Amino acid sequence: MEKQRVEALSDAILAIIVTIMALELQLPEELTVVGLRSMLPMLFIYITSFLQIMAVWLYYHELYKLVDHVSFRLFGANSFWLLTASFVPLATRGIGQHSANFAFLLFYLIVLALWDVAWIIMTAMVIKTSQRPLSAEEKKIPYRWALLYGLQLVIILLVGYLFPNFISLAPLLMIVNVIYGFLSNKS
């Protein structure tokens, strides 16, 4: 299978995911300062999820530079990655509407953790099937990002559990991480 078709399919699905998240944003009944303030948790988590999807989209296209041909197994790994990504809007809506609820934070983090596991599986498949010779360091880079992301999710989970009053601020760590990732990307 041609990699361009898989990349185009992935681009389209990620665009639909972001669109679904944007459609979840709703204006308050009254356009007042209080009404707009009530939107902040949902807006904050939307921006967090949006930035994460954009960062992963960037890393996805960097990863696919190593792909010459998409095997059935790689297509399956890519599809699993997209399946897990498709749950991000649901989890985003949940934590956005219930920003002080640990169960919704847990659900959001589980979805992101599954997405991370799917990324690791897809990365392993890409590295395994790449025709280009890769240095040991090049092989580590995608895994390093995924493992650091997983560690970040665990830290957010612990902070949310130990300090319930800070649950609504937990996505701030994710935003900082995404911005750092964009700024430190040398390509």
N, C-alpha and C. Protein backbone atom coordinates (compact mmCIF):
# COMPACT_ATOMS: atom_id res chain seq x y z
N MET A 1 0.85 -1.17 0.00
CA MET A 1 0.00 0.00 0.00
C MET A 1 0.90 1.24 0.00
N GLU A 2 0.50 2.24 -0.75
CA GLU A 2 1.29 3.47 -0.84
C GLU A 2 1.16 4.26 0.46
N LYS A 3 2.30 4.74 0.94
CA LYS A 3 2.27 5.46 2.22
C LYS A 3 1.49 6.77 2.13
N GLN A 4 1.48 7.40 0.95
CA GLN A 4 0.76 8.67 0.80
C GLN A 4 -0.73 8.49 1.06
N ARG A 5 -1.28 7.36 0.67
CA ARG A 5 -2.71 7.12 0.90
C ARG A 5 -2.99 6.94 2.39
N VAL A 6 -2.10 6.26 3.09
CA VAL A 6 -2.28 6.07 4.53
C VAL A 6 -2.11 7.40 5.25
N GLU A 7 -1.13 8.20 4.83
CA GLU A 7 -0.94 9.52 5.44
C GLU A 7 -2.17 10.40 5.19
N ALA A 8 -2.72 10.36 3.97
CA ALA A 8 -3.90 11.17 3.66
C ALA A 8 -5.10 10.72 4.50
N LEU A 9 -5.27 9.41 4.64
CA LEU A 9 -6.36 8.88 5.48
C LEU A 9 -6.19 9.34 6.93
N SER A 10 -4.98 9.24 7.43
CA SER A 10 -4.70 9.66 8.81
C SER A 10 -4.93 11.15 8.99
N ASP A 11 -4.48 11.95 8.01
CA ASP A 11 -4.72 13.39 8.07
C ASP A 11 -6.21 13.69 8.13
N ALA A 12 -6.99 13.01 7.30
CA ALA A 12 -8.43 13.24 7.26
C ALA A 12 -9.09 12.86 8.59
N ILE A 13 -8.71 11.72 9.13
CA ILE A 13 -9.32 11.28 10.40
C ILE A 13 -8.95 12.23 11.53
N LEU A 14 -7.69 12.66 11.58
CA LEU A 14 -7.28 13.60 12.63
C LEU A 14 -8.01 14.94 12.46
N ALA A 15 -8.22 15.37 11.22
CA ALA A 15 -8.96 16.61 10.98
C ALA A 15 -10.41 16.47 11.46
N ILE A 16 -11.01 15.32 11.23
CA ILE A 16 -12.38 15.08 11.70
C ILE A 16 -12.42 15.08 13.22
N ILE A 17 -11.42 14.47 13.85
CA ILE A 17 -11.36 14.43 15.32
C ILE A 17 -11.30 15.84 15.89
N VAL A 18 -10.45 16.69 15.31
CA VAL A 18 -10.33 18.08 15.78
C VAL A 18 -11.64 18.82 15.53
N THR A 19 -12.28 18.57 14.40
CA THR A 19 -13.56 19.21 14.10
C THR A 19 -14.63 18.81 15.11
N ILE A 20 -14.68 17.53 15.44
CA ILE A 20 -15.66 17.07 16.44
C ILE A 20 -15.42 17.78 17.76
N MET A 21 -14.15 17.91 18.15
CA MET A 21 -13.85 18.61 19.42
C MET A 21 -14.31 20.06 19.35
N ALA A 22 -14.07 20.72 18.22
CA ALA A 22 -14.48 22.12 18.08
C ALA A 22 -16.00 22.26 18.15
N LEU A 23 -16.71 21.30 17.57
CA LEU A 23 -18.17 21.35 17.60
C LEU A 23 -18.74 21.13 19.00
N GLU A 24 -17.95 20.55 19.88
CA GLU A 24 -18.38 20.35 21.28
C GLU A 24 -18.39 21.67 22.05
N LEU A 25 -17.64 22.66 21.58
CA LEU A 25 -17.61 23.96 22.26
C LEU A 25 -18.95 24.65 22.03
N GLN A 26 -19.54 25.10 23.13
CA GLN A 26 -20.82 25.77 23.02
C GLN A 26 -20.78 27.08 23.80
N LEU A 27 -21.37 28.09 23.20
CA LEU A 27 -21.45 29.38 23.88
C LEU A 27 -22.43 29.27 25.05
N PRO A 28 -22.20 30.06 26.09
CA PRO A 28 -23.14 30.05 27.22
C PRO A 28 -24.47 30.66 26.81
N GLU A 29 -25.48 30.39 27.63
CA GLU A 29 -26.83 30.92 27.37
C GLU A 29 -26.79 32.44 27.25
N GLU A 30 -26.05 33.09 28.17
CA GLU A 30 -25.94 34.54 28.15
C GLU A 30 -24.49 34.91 27.91
N LEU A 31 -24.29 35.85 27.01
CA LEU A 31 -22.95 36.29 26.68
C LEU A 31 -22.51 37.37 27.68
N THR A 32 -22.15 36.91 28.88
CA THR A 32 -21.68 37.79 29.95
C THR A 32 -20.33 37.29 30.41
N VAL A 33 -19.68 38.07 31.25
CA VAL A 33 -18.38 37.66 31.80
C VAL A 33 -18.53 36.36 32.57
N VAL A 34 -19.58 36.25 33.37
CA VAL A 34 -19.83 35.02 34.14
C VAL A 34 -20.07 33.84 33.19
N GLY A 35 -20.85 34.08 32.16
CA GLY A 35 -21.13 33.03 31.19
C GLY A 35 -19.88 32.57 30.47
N LEU A 36 -19.06 33.54 30.05
CA LEU A 36 -17.82 33.20 29.36
C LEU A 36 -16.85 32.49 30.31
N ARG A 37 -16.84 32.92 31.56
CA ARG A 37 -15.97 32.26 32.54
C ARG A 37 -16.36 30.80 32.75
N SER A 38 -17.64 30.51 32.62
CA SER A 38 -18.08 29.12 32.77
C SER A 38 -17.57 28.23 31.63
N MET A 39 -17.18 28.85 30.52
CA MET A 39 -16.64 28.11 29.38
C MET A 39 -15.17 27.75 29.55
N LEU A 40 -14.48 28.41 30.47
CA LEU A 40 -13.03 28.27 30.56
C LEU A 40 -12.54 26.83 30.71
N PRO A 41 -13.12 26.01 31.59
CA PRO A 41 -12.61 24.63 31.69
C PRO A 41 -12.69 23.88 30.36
N MET A 42 -13.80 24.01 29.66
CA MET A 42 -13.96 23.31 28.38
C MET A 42 -13.01 23.88 27.34
N LEU A 43 -12.86 25.18 27.31
CA LEU A 43 -11.96 25.82 26.36
C LEU A 43 -10.51 25.42 26.64
N PHE A 44 -10.16 25.38 27.91
CA PHE A 44 -8.80 25.03 28.32
C PHE A 44 -8.46 23.60 27.91
N ILE A 45 -9.35 22.65 28.15
CA ILE A 45 -9.08 21.26 27.80
C ILE A 45 -9.14 21.06 26.29
N TYR A 46 -9.99 21.83 25.60
CA TYR A 46 -10.03 21.77 24.14
C TYR A 46 -8.68 22.19 23.57
N ILE A 47 -8.14 23.32 24.06
CA ILE A 47 -6.84 23.79 23.58
C ILE A 47 -5.76 22.75 23.89
N THR A 48 -5.82 22.15 25.07
CA THR A 48 -4.86 21.12 25.45
C THR A 48 -4.92 19.95 24.47
N SER A 49 -6.11 19.44 24.23
CA SER A 49 -6.26 18.29 23.32
C SER A 49 -5.88 18.67 21.89
N PHE A 50 -6.26 19.87 21.47
CA PHE A 50 -5.92 20.33 20.13
C PHE A 50 -4.40 20.38 19.95
N LEU A 51 -3.71 20.98 20.91
CA LEU A 51 -2.25 21.07 20.81
C LEU A 51 -1.59 19.69 20.83
N GLN A 52 -2.13 18.78 21.61
CA GLN A 52 -1.57 17.43 21.63
C GLN A 52 -1.76 16.75 20.28
N ILE A 53 -2.92 16.89 19.69
CA ILE A 53 -3.16 16.29 18.38
C ILE A 53 -2.25 16.90 17.33
N MET A 54 -2.05 18.22 17.38
CA MET A 54 -1.17 18.86 16.42
C MET A 54 0.28 18.40 16.60
N ALA A 55 0.71 18.26 17.85
CA ALA A 55 2.08 17.79 18.11
C ALA A 55 2.26 16.37 17.60
N VAL A 56 1.30 15.51 17.89
CA VAL A 56 1.40 14.12 17.45
C VAL A 56 1.31 14.05 15.92
N TRP A 57 0.50 14.89 15.32
CA TRP A 57 0.42 14.93 13.86
C TRP A 57 1.79 15.27 13.27
N LEU A 58 2.46 16.25 13.87
CA LEU A 58 3.81 16.61 13.41
C LEU A 58 4.77 15.43 13.57
N TYR A 59 4.76 14.79 14.73
CA TYR A 59 5.63 13.64 14.96
C TYR A 59 5.27 12.48 14.03
N TYR A 60 4.00 12.33 13.73
CA TYR A 60 3.54 11.27 12.82
C TYR A 60 4.20 11.44 11.45
N HIS A 61 4.17 12.66 10.93
CA HIS A 61 4.76 12.89 9.61
C HIS A 61 6.28 12.76 9.63
N GLU A 62 6.89 13.11 10.74
CA GLU A 62 8.33 12.86 10.89
C GLU A 62 8.60 11.36 10.89
N LEU A 63 7.80 10.60 11.62
CA LEU A 63 7.96 9.15 11.68
C LEU A 63 7.76 8.52 10.31
N TYR A 64 6.77 8.98 9.57
CA TYR A 64 6.46 8.38 8.27
C TYR A 64 7.49 8.72 7.19
N LYS A 65 8.43 9.59 7.48
CA LYS A 65 9.55 9.80 6.56
C LYS A 65 10.40 8.54 6.45
N LEU A 66 10.30 7.68 7.46
CA LEU A 66 11.06 6.42 7.47
C LEU A 66 10.35 5.31 6.71
N VAL A 67 9.11 5.54 6.32
CA VAL A 67 8.29 4.50 5.69
C VAL A 67 8.44 4.55 4.17
N ASP A 68 8.72 3.40 3.58
CA ASP A 68 8.76 3.29 2.12
C ASP A 68 7.47 2.68 1.59
N HIS A 69 7.01 1.66 2.28
CA HIS A 69 5.83 0.91 1.86
C HIS A 69 5.04 0.54 3.12
N VAL A 70 3.74 0.65 3.06
CA VAL A 70 2.89 0.31 4.21
C VAL A 70 2.43 -1.14 4.08
N SER A 71 2.93 -1.96 4.99
CA SER A 71 2.52 -3.37 5.02
C SER A 71 1.14 -3.47 5.68
N PHE A 72 0.55 -4.64 5.59
CA PHE A 72 -0.73 -4.87 6.24
C PHE A 72 -0.60 -4.67 7.75
N ARG A 73 0.51 -5.12 8.32
CA ARG A 73 0.72 -4.98 9.77
C ARG A 73 0.87 -3.51 10.17
N LEU A 74 1.61 -2.76 9.38
CA LEU A 74 1.76 -1.33 9.68
C LEU A 74 0.41 -0.62 9.52
N PHE A 75 -0.35 -0.99 8.51
CA PHE A 75 -1.68 -0.40 8.35
C PHE A 75 -2.55 -0.71 9.57
N GLY A 76 -2.45 -1.93 10.07
CA GLY A 76 -3.20 -2.31 11.27
C GLY A 76 -2.77 -1.49 12.48
N ALA A 77 -1.46 -1.30 12.65
CA ALA A 77 -0.95 -0.49 13.76
C ALA A 77 -1.40 0.96 13.62
N ASN A 78 -1.36 1.48 12.39
CA ASN A 78 -1.80 2.85 12.12
C ASN A 78 -3.30 2.98 12.42
N SER A 79 -4.07 1.98 12.04
CA SER A 79 -5.52 2.00 12.28
C SER A 79 -5.83 1.95 13.77
N PHE A 80 -5.08 1.15 14.52
CA PHE A 80 -5.26 1.09 15.97
C PHE A 80 -4.93 2.44 16.60
N TRP A 81 -3.88 3.08 16.11
CA TRP A 81 -3.50 4.41 16.60
C TRP A 81 -4.63 5.41 16.33
N LEU A 82 -5.22 5.35 15.14
CA LEU A 82 -6.34 6.25 14.81
C LEU A 82 -7.58 5.93 15.64
N LEU A 83 -7.82 4.64 15.88
CA LEU A 83 -8.95 4.25 16.73
C LEU A 83 -8.82 4.86 18.11
N THR A 84 -7.65 4.74 18.71
CA THR A 84 -7.46 5.30 20.05
C THR A 84 -7.57 6.83 20.02
N ALA A 85 -7.09 7.45 18.94
CA ALA A 85 -7.21 8.91 18.81
C ALA A 85 -8.67 9.34 18.72
N SER A 86 -9.51 8.48 18.15
CA SER A 86 -10.91 8.86 17.96
C SER A 86 -11.68 8.98 19.27
N PHE A 87 -11.10 8.49 20.36
CA PHE A 87 -11.74 8.64 21.67
C PHE A 87 -11.36 9.96 22.36
N VAL A 88 -10.40 10.69 21.80
CA VAL A 88 -9.96 11.95 22.42
C VAL A 88 -11.11 12.96 22.53
N PRO A 89 -11.97 13.14 21.51
CA PRO A 89 -13.08 14.10 21.68
C PRO A 89 -14.02 13.74 22.83
N LEU A 90 -14.34 12.47 22.98
CA LEU A 90 -15.22 12.03 24.06
C LEU A 90 -14.58 12.33 25.42
N ALA A 91 -13.31 11.97 25.57
CA ALA A 91 -12.61 12.22 26.83
C ALA A 91 -12.45 13.71 27.08
N THR A 92 -12.22 14.48 26.02
CA THR A 92 -12.09 15.93 26.15
C THR A 92 -13.40 16.54 26.63
N ARG A 93 -14.50 16.10 26.04
CA ARG A 93 -15.81 16.61 26.48
C ARG A 93 -16.06 16.25 27.94
N GLY A 94 -15.73 15.02 28.32
CA GLY A 94 -15.96 14.59 29.71
C GLY A 94 -15.22 15.44 30.71
N ILE A 95 -13.91 15.61 30.51
CA ILE A 95 -13.12 16.39 31.48
C ILE A 95 -13.47 17.87 31.38
N GLY A 96 -13.86 18.33 30.18
CA GLY A 96 -14.25 19.74 30.03
C GLY A 96 -15.53 20.07 30.77
N GLN A 97 -16.47 19.13 30.79
CA GLN A 97 -17.74 19.36 31.48
C GLN A 97 -17.66 19.05 32.96
N HIS A 98 -16.69 18.25 33.36
CA HIS A 98 -16.56 17.84 34.77
C HIS A 98 -15.10 18.01 35.20
N SER A 99 -14.62 19.25 35.12
CA SER A 99 -13.19 19.51 35.29
C SER A 99 -12.67 19.25 36.70
N ALA A 100 -13.52 19.14 37.68
CA ALA A 100 -13.05 18.89 39.05
C ALA A 100 -13.30 17.44 39.48
N ASN A 101 -13.65 16.58 38.54
CA ASN A 101 -14.01 15.20 38.86
C ASN A 101 -12.85 14.26 38.50
N PHE A 102 -12.33 13.56 39.50
CA PHE A 102 -11.18 12.68 39.29
C PHE A 102 -11.50 11.56 38.30
N ALA A 103 -12.71 11.03 38.31
CA ALA A 103 -13.07 9.93 37.40
C ALA A 103 -12.95 10.37 35.94
N PHE A 104 -13.34 11.60 35.64
CA PHE A 104 -13.23 12.09 34.26
C PHE A 104 -11.78 12.37 33.90
N LEU A 105 -10.99 12.84 34.87
CA LEU A 105 -9.55 12.99 34.61
C LEU A 105 -8.93 11.63 34.33
N LEU A 106 -9.30 10.64 35.11
CA LEU A 106 -8.79 9.28 34.92
C LEU A 106 -9.16 8.76 33.53
N PHE A 107 -10.41 8.95 33.12
CA PHE A 107 -10.84 8.51 31.79
C PHE A 107 -10.03 9.22 30.70
N TYR A 108 -9.85 10.52 30.83
CA TYR A 108 -9.08 11.30 29.87
C TYR A 108 -7.65 10.76 29.77
N LEU A 109 -7.04 10.51 30.92
CA LEU A 109 -5.66 10.02 30.93
C LEU A 109 -5.56 8.59 30.40
N ILE A 110 -6.56 7.76 30.65
CA ILE A 110 -6.56 6.40 30.09
C ILE A 110 -6.62 6.45 28.56
N VAL A 111 -7.47 7.31 28.04
CA VAL A 111 -7.56 7.46 26.58
C VAL A 111 -6.21 7.91 26.02
N LEU A 112 -5.59 8.89 26.66
CA LEU A 112 -4.29 9.37 26.18
C LEU A 112 -3.21 8.29 26.33
N ALA A 113 -3.28 7.51 27.40
CA ALA A 113 -2.31 6.42 27.59
C ALA A 113 -2.47 5.35 26.52
N LEU A 114 -3.71 5.01 26.18
CA LEU A 114 -3.94 4.03 25.10
C LEU A 114 -3.43 4.57 23.77
N TRP A 115 -3.63 5.85 23.55
CA TRP A 115 -3.13 6.49 22.33
C TRP A 115 -1.61 6.42 22.30
N ASP A 116 -0.99 6.60 23.45
CA ASP A 116 0.47 6.50 23.57
C ASP A 116 0.95 5.08 23.30
N VAL A 117 0.26 4.09 23.84
CA VAL A 117 0.62 2.68 23.59
C VAL A 117 0.49 2.37 22.10
N ALA A 118 -0.58 2.86 21.48
CA ALA A 118 -0.77 2.65 20.05
C ALA A 118 0.36 3.30 19.25
N TRP A 119 0.81 4.47 19.71
CA TRP A 119 1.93 5.16 19.06
C TRP A 119 3.19 4.30 19.15
N ILE A 120 3.45 3.73 20.32
CA ILE A 120 4.64 2.89 20.51
C ILE A 120 4.58 1.68 19.58
N ILE A 121 3.42 1.06 19.47
CA ILE A 121 3.26 -0.10 18.58
C ILE A 121 3.51 0.31 17.13
N MET A 122 2.93 1.43 16.71
CA MET A 122 3.11 1.89 15.34
C MET A 122 4.57 2.26 15.09
N THR A 123 5.20 2.91 16.05
CA THR A 123 6.61 3.28 15.91
C THR A 123 7.48 2.04 15.76
N ALA A 124 7.23 1.04 16.58
CA ALA A 124 8.00 -0.20 16.48
C ALA A 124 7.84 -0.82 15.10
N MET A 125 6.64 -0.79 14.58
CA MET A 125 6.37 -1.36 13.25
C MET A 125 7.11 -0.56 12.17
N VAL A 126 7.10 0.76 12.28
CA VAL A 126 7.80 1.60 11.30
C VAL A 126 9.30 1.32 11.34
N ILE A 127 9.86 1.31 12.53
CA ILE A 127 11.31 1.09 12.66
C ILE A 127 11.68 -0.31 12.15
N LYS A 128 10.85 -1.28 12.45
CA LYS A 128 11.12 -2.67 12.04
C LYS A 128 11.09 -2.82 10.51
N THR A 129 10.19 -2.11 9.85
CA THR A 129 10.01 -2.28 8.41
C THR A 129 10.74 -1.23 7.57
N SER A 130 11.41 -0.28 8.21
CA SER A 130 12.09 0.78 7.47
C SER A 130 13.23 0.20 6.63
N GLN A 131 13.29 0.61 5.38
CA GLN A 131 14.36 0.18 4.48
C GLN A 131 15.63 1.02 4.68
N ARG A 132 15.46 2.16 5.30
CA ARG A 132 16.59 3.05 5.52
C ARG A 132 17.37 2.60 6.74
N PRO A 133 18.70 2.55 6.65
CA PRO A 133 19.48 2.19 7.84
C PRO A 133 19.37 3.30 8.90
N LEU A 134 19.02 2.90 10.10
CA LEU A 134 18.85 3.86 11.19
C LEU A 134 19.92 3.65 12.24
N SER A 135 20.43 4.76 12.75
CA SER A 135 21.38 4.66 13.86
C SER A 135 20.62 4.27 15.12
N ALA A 136 21.35 3.83 16.11
CA ALA A 136 20.72 3.46 17.39
C ALA A 136 20.00 4.67 17.99
N GLU A 137 20.58 5.85 17.84
CA GLU A 137 19.97 7.07 18.38
C GLU A 137 18.67 7.40 17.65
N GLU A 138 18.66 7.27 16.33
CA GLU A 138 17.44 7.53 15.56
C GLU A 138 16.31 6.59 15.97
N LYS A 139 16.66 5.36 16.28
CA LYS A 139 15.65 4.38 16.69
C LYS A 139 15.05 4.71 18.05
N LYS A 140 15.82 5.41 18.89
CA LYS A 140 15.37 5.72 20.25
C LYS A 140 14.45 6.93 20.32
N ILE A 141 14.61 7.87 19.40
CA ILE A 141 13.92 9.16 19.51
C ILE A 141 12.39 9.02 19.63
N PRO A 142 11.70 8.27 18.76
CA PRO A 142 10.24 8.18 18.91
C PRO A 142 9.82 7.51 20.22
N TYR A 143 10.60 6.52 20.65
CA TYR A 143 10.28 5.83 21.90
C TYR A 143 10.47 6.77 23.09
N ARG A 144 11.53 7.54 23.04
CA ARG A 144 11.82 8.47 24.14
C ARG A 144 10.66 9.44 24.32
N TRP A 145 10.16 9.98 23.21
CA TRP A 145 9.04 10.91 23.29
C TRP A 145 7.82 10.22 23.91
N ALA A 146 7.52 9.00 23.45
CA ALA A 146 6.35 8.27 23.95
C ALA A 146 6.48 7.93 25.43
N LEU A 147 7.67 7.54 25.85
CA LEU A 147 7.87 7.19 27.26
C LEU A 147 7.78 8.42 28.16
N LEU A 148 8.33 9.54 27.71
CA LEU A 148 8.21 10.78 28.49
C LEU A 148 6.75 11.22 28.58
N TYR A 149 6.03 11.05 27.51
CA TYR A 149 4.61 11.39 27.52
C TYR A 149 3.86 10.50 28.51
N GLY A 150 4.16 9.21 28.50
CA GLY A 150 3.54 8.29 29.45
C GLY A 150 3.85 8.66 30.88
N LEU A 151 5.10 9.05 31.14
CA LEU A 151 5.49 9.49 32.49
C LEU A 151 4.71 10.73 32.89
N GLN A 152 4.54 11.63 31.96
CA GLN A 152 3.76 12.85 32.22
C GLN A 152 2.33 12.50 32.61
N LEU A 153 1.73 11.54 31.93
CA LEU A 153 0.36 11.13 32.26
C LEU A 153 0.28 10.56 33.67
N VAL A 154 1.28 9.79 34.06
CA VAL A 154 1.30 9.23 35.43
C VAL A 154 1.42 10.35 36.46
N ILE A 155 2.28 11.33 36.19
CA ILE A 155 2.45 12.46 37.12
C ILE A 155 1.13 13.23 37.26
N ILE A 156 0.45 13.47 36.14
CA ILE A 156 -0.83 14.18 36.19
C ILE A 156 -1.85 13.38 36.97
N LEU A 157 -1.86 12.08 36.78
CA LEU A 157 -2.78 11.21 37.52
C LEU A 157 -2.52 11.31 39.02
N LEU A 158 -1.26 11.26 39.42
CA LEU A 158 -0.91 11.35 40.84
C LEU A 158 -1.28 12.71 41.42
N VAL A 159 -0.97 13.78 40.68
CA VAL A 159 -1.31 15.12 41.15
C VAL A 159 -2.83 15.25 41.30
N GLY A 160 -3.58 14.76 40.31
CA GLY A 160 -5.04 14.83 40.38
C GLY A 160 -5.61 14.03 41.53
N TYR A 161 -4.99 12.91 41.84
CA TYR A 161 -5.47 12.06 42.94
C TYR A 161 -5.11 12.66 44.30
N LEU A 162 -3.86 13.12 44.43
CA LEU A 162 -3.39 13.64 45.71
C LEU A 162 -3.91 15.04 46.01
N PHE A 163 -4.13 15.83 44.97
CA PHE A 163 -4.56 17.22 45.14
C PHE A 163 -5.79 17.47 44.26
N PRO A 164 -6.95 16.98 44.68
CA PRO A 164 -8.16 17.09 43.84
C PRO A 164 -8.51 18.52 43.43
N ASN A 165 -8.12 19.49 44.22
CA ASN A 165 -8.43 20.88 43.87
C ASN A 165 -7.66 21.35 42.64
N PHE A 166 -6.62 20.61 42.26
CA PHE A 166 -5.80 21.02 41.12
C PHE A 166 -6.11 20.23 39.85
N ILE A 167 -7.15 19.41 39.88
CA ILE A 167 -7.48 18.60 38.70
C ILE A 167 -7.67 19.48 37.47
N SER A 168 -8.37 20.59 37.62
CA SER A 168 -8.64 21.43 36.46
C SER A 168 -7.37 22.08 35.90
N LEU A 169 -6.29 22.11 36.69
CA LEU A 169 -5.03 22.67 36.21
C LEU A 169 -4.10 21.62 35.61
N ALA A 170 -4.45 20.34 35.75
CA ALA A 170 -3.59 19.26 35.27
C ALA A 170 -3.22 19.39 33.79
N PRO A 171 -4.14 19.79 32.92
CA PRO A 171 -3.76 19.92 31.51
C PRO A 171 -2.69 20.96 31.23
N LEU A 172 -2.46 21.87 32.18
CA LEU A 172 -1.42 22.87 32.00
C LEU A 172 -0.06 22.22 31.76
N LEU A 173 0.22 21.14 32.48
CA LEU A 173 1.48 20.42 32.28
C LEU A 173 1.57 19.89 30.86
N MET A 174 0.45 19.43 30.32
CA MET A 174 0.44 18.93 28.95
C MET A 174 0.72 20.04 27.95
N ILE A 175 0.13 21.21 28.18
CA ILE A 175 0.35 22.34 27.28
C ILE A 175 1.82 22.74 27.30
N VAL A 176 2.40 22.82 28.48
CA VAL A 176 3.82 23.18 28.60
C VAL A 176 4.67 22.15 27.85
N ASN A 177 4.35 20.87 27.99
CA ASN A 177 5.10 19.82 27.32
C ASN A 177 4.99 19.92 25.80
N VAL A 178 3.79 20.20 25.30
CA VAL A 178 3.59 20.32 23.86
C VAL A 178 4.36 21.51 23.32
N ILE A 179 4.29 22.64 24.01
CA ILE A 179 5.02 23.83 23.56
C ILE A 179 6.52 23.56 23.57
N TYR A 180 7.00 22.90 24.62
CA TYR A 180 8.42 22.54 24.67
C TYR A 180 8.79 21.64 23.49
N GLY A 181 7.92 20.68 23.19
CA GLY A 181 8.17 19.78 22.06
C GLY A 181 8.27 20.53 20.74
N PHE A 182 7.38 21.50 20.53
CA PHE A 182 7.42 22.30 19.30
C PHE A 182 8.71 23.11 19.24
N LEU A 183 9.08 23.74 20.35
CA LEU A 183 10.26 24.59 20.36
C LEU A 183 11.56 23.81 20.24
N SER A 184 11.58 22.59 20.76
CA SER A 184 12.82 21.80 20.73
C SER A 184 12.95 20.96 19.47
N ASN A 185 11.91 20.93 18.63
CA ASN A 185 11.99 20.15 17.39
C ASN A 185 12.94 20.85 16.44
N LYS A 186 14.01 20.17 16.08
CA LYS A 186 15.06 20.79 15.27
C LYS A 186 14.79 20.75 13.77
N SER A 187 13.79 19.98 13.36
CA SER A 187 13.54 19.87 11.92
C SER A 187 12.48 20.85 11.47
